[in-house]
N, C-alpha and C. Protein backbone atom coordinates (compact mmCIF):
# COMPACT_ATOMS: atom_id res chain seq x y z
N MET A 1 13.31 4.12 11.19
CA MET A 1 12.69 4.53 9.82
C MET A 1 12.96 3.22 8.62
N ASN A 2 11.29 3.24 8.16
CA ASN A 2 11.04 2.01 7.66
C ASN A 2 11.23 2.06 6.26
N SER A 3 11.39 1.02 5.42
CA SER A 3 12.09 0.72 4.24
C SER A 3 10.63 1.04 3.51
N LEU A 4 11.03 0.92 1.69
CA LEU A 4 9.66 0.76 1.11
C LEU A 4 10.16 0.00 0.17
N ILE A 5 9.03 -1.36 0.26
CA ILE A 5 8.94 -2.59 -0.27
C ILE A 5 8.12 -2.64 -1.91
N THR A 6 8.44 -3.03 -2.86
CA THR A 6 7.96 -2.93 -3.92
C THR A 6 7.52 -4.51 -3.99
N VAL A 7 5.68 -3.99 -3.81
CA VAL A 7 4.78 -5.10 -4.02
C VAL A 7 3.74 -5.08 -5.25
N ASP A 8 2.72 -6.15 -5.83
CA ASP A 8 2.16 -6.20 -6.29
C ASP A 8 0.38 -5.91 -5.94
N VAL A 9 0.05 -5.18 -6.60
CA VAL A 9 -1.15 -5.27 -5.81
C VAL A 9 -2.28 -4.93 -7.10
N ILE A 10 -3.25 -6.30 -6.51
CA ILE A 10 -4.68 -6.29 -7.08
C ILE A 10 -5.10 -5.20 -6.88
N CYS A 11 -6.05 -3.82 -7.70
CA CYS A 11 -7.09 -2.81 -7.08
C CYS A 11 -7.96 -2.96 -7.93
N GLN A 12 -9.38 -1.70 -7.39
CA GLN A 12 -10.06 -2.00 -8.05
C GLN A 12 -10.35 -0.36 -9.08
N HIS A 13 -10.45 0.42 -9.92
CA HIS A 13 -10.63 1.28 -10.25
C HIS A 13 -11.34 1.80 -10.84
N SER A 14 -12.83 2.95 -9.70
CA SER A 14 -13.86 2.82 -10.23
C SER A 14 -13.69 3.76 -11.36
N ALA A 15 -15.28 4.39 -11.65
CA ALA A 15 -15.31 5.40 -12.88
C ALA A 15 -15.17 6.48 -12.40
N ASP A 16 -15.41 6.80 -11.25
CA ASP A 16 -15.22 8.14 -10.71
C ASP A 16 -14.38 8.42 -10.40
N GLY A 17 -12.84 7.72 -10.36
CA GLY A 17 -11.68 7.41 -10.35
C GLY A 17 -11.06 6.83 -8.95
N THR A 18 -11.82 6.46 -8.11
CA THR A 18 -11.36 6.06 -6.99
C THR A 18 -11.12 4.75 -7.01
N VAL A 19 -9.69 4.83 -6.17
CA VAL A 19 -8.93 3.55 -5.99
C VAL A 19 -8.94 2.39 -5.19
N ILE A 20 -9.24 1.55 -4.78
CA ILE A 20 -9.68 0.60 -3.57
C ILE A 20 -8.33 -0.72 -3.46
N PRO A 21 -7.53 -0.98 -3.35
CA PRO A 21 -7.04 -2.04 -3.20
C PRO A 21 -7.61 -3.28 -2.10
N LEU A 22 -7.07 -4.14 -2.94
CA LEU A 22 -7.94 -5.71 -2.44
C LEU A 22 -6.76 -6.20 -2.38
N ARG A 23 -5.86 -6.87 -2.69
CA ARG A 23 -4.88 -8.00 -1.96
C ARG A 23 -3.22 -7.43 -2.66
N LEU A 24 -2.57 -7.96 -2.15
CA LEU A 24 -1.32 -7.49 -2.14
C LEU A 24 -0.32 -8.92 -2.43
N ARG A 25 0.44 -8.93 -2.74
CA ARG A 25 1.66 -10.07 -3.52
C ARG A 25 2.98 -9.67 -3.21
N MET A 26 3.62 -10.19 -2.31
CA MET A 26 5.55 -9.48 -2.04
C MET A 26 6.35 -11.21 -1.53
N LYS A 27 7.14 -11.44 -2.12
CA LYS A 27 8.53 -12.33 -1.75
C LYS A 27 8.40 -12.59 -0.42
N ASP A 28 8.31 -13.12 0.46
CA ASP A 28 9.48 -13.65 1.80
C ASP A 28 10.76 -14.14 2.13
N GLU A 29 11.30 -14.02 3.22
CA GLU A 29 12.47 -14.03 3.11
C GLU A 29 13.38 -15.20 1.71
N ASP A 30 12.34 -16.29 1.69
CA ASP A 30 13.07 -17.66 0.71
C ASP A 30 12.50 -17.53 -0.21
N GLY A 31 11.90 -16.19 -1.18
CA GLY A 31 11.95 -16.19 -2.37
C GLY A 31 10.62 -16.61 -2.89
N GLN A 32 9.80 -16.79 -1.86
CA GLN A 32 8.91 -17.31 -2.27
C GLN A 32 7.48 -15.93 -2.19
N TYR A 33 6.28 -16.32 -2.66
CA TYR A 33 5.21 -15.58 -3.32
C TYR A 33 4.72 -15.54 -2.12
N GLN A 34 4.09 -14.74 -1.25
CA GLN A 34 2.52 -15.21 -0.19
C GLN A 34 1.75 -13.73 -0.85
N THR A 35 0.66 -14.11 -0.47
CA THR A 35 -0.73 -13.12 -1.19
C THR A 35 -1.35 -12.87 0.11
N TYR A 36 -1.85 -12.06 0.27
CA TYR A 36 -2.74 -11.30 1.87
C TYR A 36 -3.72 -10.21 1.34
N THR A 37 -4.54 -10.94 1.82
CA THR A 37 -6.36 -10.15 1.20
C THR A 37 -6.09 -9.05 2.55
N ILE A 38 -6.04 -7.45 1.22
CA ILE A 38 -6.67 -6.45 2.62
C ILE A 38 -7.92 -6.55 2.98
N LYS A 39 -7.98 -6.41 4.53
CA LYS A 39 -9.95 -6.82 5.35
C LYS A 39 -10.19 -5.40 5.08
N LYS A 40 -9.31 -4.30 5.82
CA LYS A 40 -9.71 -2.45 5.57
C LYS A 40 -8.68 -2.11 5.01
N TYR A 41 -9.38 -0.63 4.79
CA TYR A 41 -8.13 0.12 4.30
C TYR A 41 -9.10 1.42 4.70
N ARG A 42 -8.32 2.19 4.75
CA ARG A 42 -8.36 3.81 4.79
C ARG A 42 -7.78 4.87 3.71
N ASP A 43 -8.18 5.70 2.76
CA ASP A 43 -7.70 6.31 1.88
C ASP A 43 -7.19 7.34 2.25
N LEU A 44 -5.90 7.79 2.59
CA LEU A 44 -4.97 8.22 3.10
C LEU A 44 -4.50 9.81 1.99
N SER A 45 -4.61 9.68 0.66
CA SER A 45 -4.36 10.13 -0.53
C SER A 45 -5.15 11.43 -0.32
N HIS A 46 -3.86 12.88 -1.61
CA HIS A 46 -4.37 13.81 -1.71
C HIS A 46 -4.69 14.75 -0.68
N ARG A 47 -3.85 14.33 0.43
CA ARG A 47 -3.53 15.92 1.72
C ARG A 47 -2.45 16.09 1.42
N GLY A 48 -2.61 16.56 0.39
CA GLY A 48 -0.94 17.12 -0.09
C GLY A 48 0.33 16.71 -0.25
N THR A 49 1.41 17.62 -0.01
CA THR A 49 2.62 16.88 0.34
C THR A 49 3.00 17.41 1.29
N CYS A 50 3.49 16.07 2.09
CA CYS A 50 3.84 16.08 3.36
C CYS A 50 4.92 14.61 3.53
N SER A 51 5.06 14.74 4.53
CA SER A 51 5.92 12.87 5.02
C SER A 51 5.35 13.16 6.34
N LEU A 52 4.80 11.46 5.83
CA LEU A 52 4.30 10.68 6.99
C LEU A 52 4.81 9.95 8.33
N PRO A 53 4.08 9.72 9.28
CA PRO A 53 4.70 9.00 10.14
C PRO A 53 6.02 7.71 10.41
N ASP A 54 5.42 7.71 8.90
CA ASP A 54 6.64 6.17 8.70
C ASP A 54 8.07 6.70 7.32
N HIS A 55 8.00 7.89 7.80
CA HIS A 55 9.17 9.41 7.06
C HIS A 55 9.14 8.73 5.90
N VAL A 56 7.95 8.66 5.15
CA VAL A 56 8.03 9.05 3.58
C VAL A 56 7.36 9.66 3.32
N TYR A 57 8.16 10.62 2.21
CA TYR A 57 7.25 11.76 1.76
C TYR A 57 6.88 12.14 0.46
N VAL A 58 5.38 11.97 0.58
CA VAL A 58 4.42 12.08 -0.85
C VAL A 58 4.09 13.24 -1.01
N THR A 59 3.28 13.49 -2.25
CA THR A 59 2.71 14.28 -2.93
C THR A 59 1.34 14.51 -2.93
N ASN A 60 0.34 15.04 -3.58
CA ASN A 60 -1.04 15.35 -4.01
C ASN A 60 -1.02 13.73 -4.73
N ASN A 61 0.09 13.80 -5.42
CA ASN A 61 -0.82 12.86 -6.85
C ASN A 61 0.16 11.53 -5.88
N THR A 62 0.10 11.06 -5.07
CA THR A 62 0.46 9.71 -4.23
C THR A 62 -1.28 9.60 -3.81
N PHE A 63 -1.09 8.14 -4.34
CA PHE A 63 -2.31 7.89 -3.49
C PHE A 63 -1.34 6.68 -2.33
N VAL A 64 -2.38 7.07 -0.91
CA VAL A 64 -1.49 6.12 0.41
C VAL A 64 -2.97 5.58 1.24
N PHE A 65 -3.19 4.52 1.39
CA PHE A 65 -4.14 3.48 1.77
C PHE A 65 -3.43 2.53 2.82
N GLU A 66 -4.51 3.07 4.35
CA GLU A 66 -3.63 2.58 5.53
C GLU A 66 -4.86 1.16 5.53
N CYS A 67 -3.75 -0.04 5.81
CA CYS A 67 -4.79 -0.74 5.45
C CYS A 67 -4.62 -2.39 6.26
N LYS A 68 -5.54 -3.19 6.28
CA LYS A 68 -5.15 -4.21 7.35
C LYS A 68 -4.98 -5.61 6.93
N ILE A 69 -4.26 -6.09 7.43
CA ILE A 69 -3.59 -7.62 7.02
C ILE A 69 -3.68 -8.40 7.67
N THR A 70 -4.03 -10.23 7.42
CA THR A 70 -3.66 -11.18 8.16
C THR A 70 -2.42 -11.39 8.13
N ALA A 71 -1.32 -11.45 8.46
CA ALA A 71 -0.27 -11.63 8.30
C ALA A 71 0.11 -12.93 9.55
N PHE A 72 0.79 -14.18 9.55
CA PHE A 72 1.63 -15.32 10.54
C PHE A 72 -0.14 -15.25 11.45
N GLY A 73 -0.72 -15.34 11.24
CA GLY A 73 -1.84 -15.56 12.36
C GLY A 73 -2.23 -13.80 12.70
N LYS A 74 -1.78 -12.97 12.82
CA LYS A 74 -1.62 -11.57 13.53
C LYS A 74 -2.05 -10.52 12.28
N GLN A 75 -3.64 -9.56 12.81
CA GLN A 75 -3.70 -8.86 11.99
C GLN A 75 -2.70 -7.81 12.30
N GLN A 76 -1.85 -6.77 10.84
CA GLN A 76 -1.15 -5.97 10.87
C GLN A 76 -1.91 -5.00 9.92
N THR A 77 -0.62 -3.59 10.58
CA THR A 77 -1.93 -2.58 9.50
C THR A 77 -0.07 -2.43 8.52
N ILE A 78 -0.11 -2.27 7.70
CA ILE A 78 0.51 -1.54 6.66
C ILE A 78 0.42 -0.01 6.03
N ARG A 79 1.31 0.64 5.31
CA ARG A 79 0.78 1.57 4.34
C ARG A 79 1.35 1.20 3.24
N LEU A 80 0.46 1.30 1.97
CA LEU A 80 0.61 0.83 0.55
C LEU A 80 0.38 2.60 -0.28
N TYR A 81 1.58 2.87 -1.01
CA TYR A 81 1.70 3.99 -1.96
C TYR A 81 1.66 3.57 -3.06
N TYR A 82 1.22 4.11 -4.21
CA TYR A 82 1.11 4.46 -5.28
C TYR A 82 1.57 6.07 -6.21
N ARG A 83 2.27 5.93 -6.81
CA ARG A 83 2.72 6.95 -7.84
C ARG A 83 2.12 6.84 -9.22
N PRO A 84 1.41 7.26 -9.86
CA PRO A 84 0.82 7.00 -11.49
C PRO A 84 2.02 7.41 -12.41
N GLU A 85 3.08 8.29 -11.85
CA GLU A 85 4.16 8.25 -12.86
C GLU A 85 5.31 7.35 -13.02
N ASP A 86 5.32 6.53 -11.82
CA ASP A 86 6.36 5.45 -12.43
C ASP A 86 5.35 3.48 -12.22
N SER A 87 3.77 3.86 -11.78
CA SER A 87 3.31 2.91 -12.13
C SER A 87 3.63 1.91 -10.99
N LEU A 88 4.31 2.09 -9.62
CA LEU A 88 4.70 1.17 -9.00
C LEU A 88 4.15 1.21 -7.10
N TRP A 89 3.98 0.47 -7.09
CA TRP A 89 3.25 0.02 -5.38
C TRP A 89 4.44 -0.02 -4.48
N ARG A 90 4.37 0.60 -3.36
CA ARG A 90 5.14 0.55 -2.42
C ARG A 90 4.44 0.08 -1.24
N MET A 91 5.25 -0.41 -0.48
CA MET A 91 4.49 -0.81 0.77
C MET A 91 5.55 -0.60 2.43
N THR A 92 5.27 0.11 3.57
CA THR A 92 5.91 -0.25 4.55
C THR A 92 4.70 -0.82 5.62
N CYS A 93 5.42 -1.49 6.70
CA CYS A 93 4.52 -2.06 7.92
C CYS A 93 5.29 -1.86 9.29
């Protein structure tokens, strides 16, 4: 089971309510911040209450994004979760 990591996210909030994640930042093992640009994303939000393949339980109010980033020279897929109720972005990879 993947654990959720709290991360910083820079995103665009459009006038129509659309949220687009642009960049994320998190601490590495040494406590240093690392920044990653989101190359591609797919919005998986608002599909109802369910448990996703990475065992994260979401509701219809949770924003869910499957994103591609480049880390350590390799393209990786991550999932970002944002719940407006607690204003925190979380990530699984």
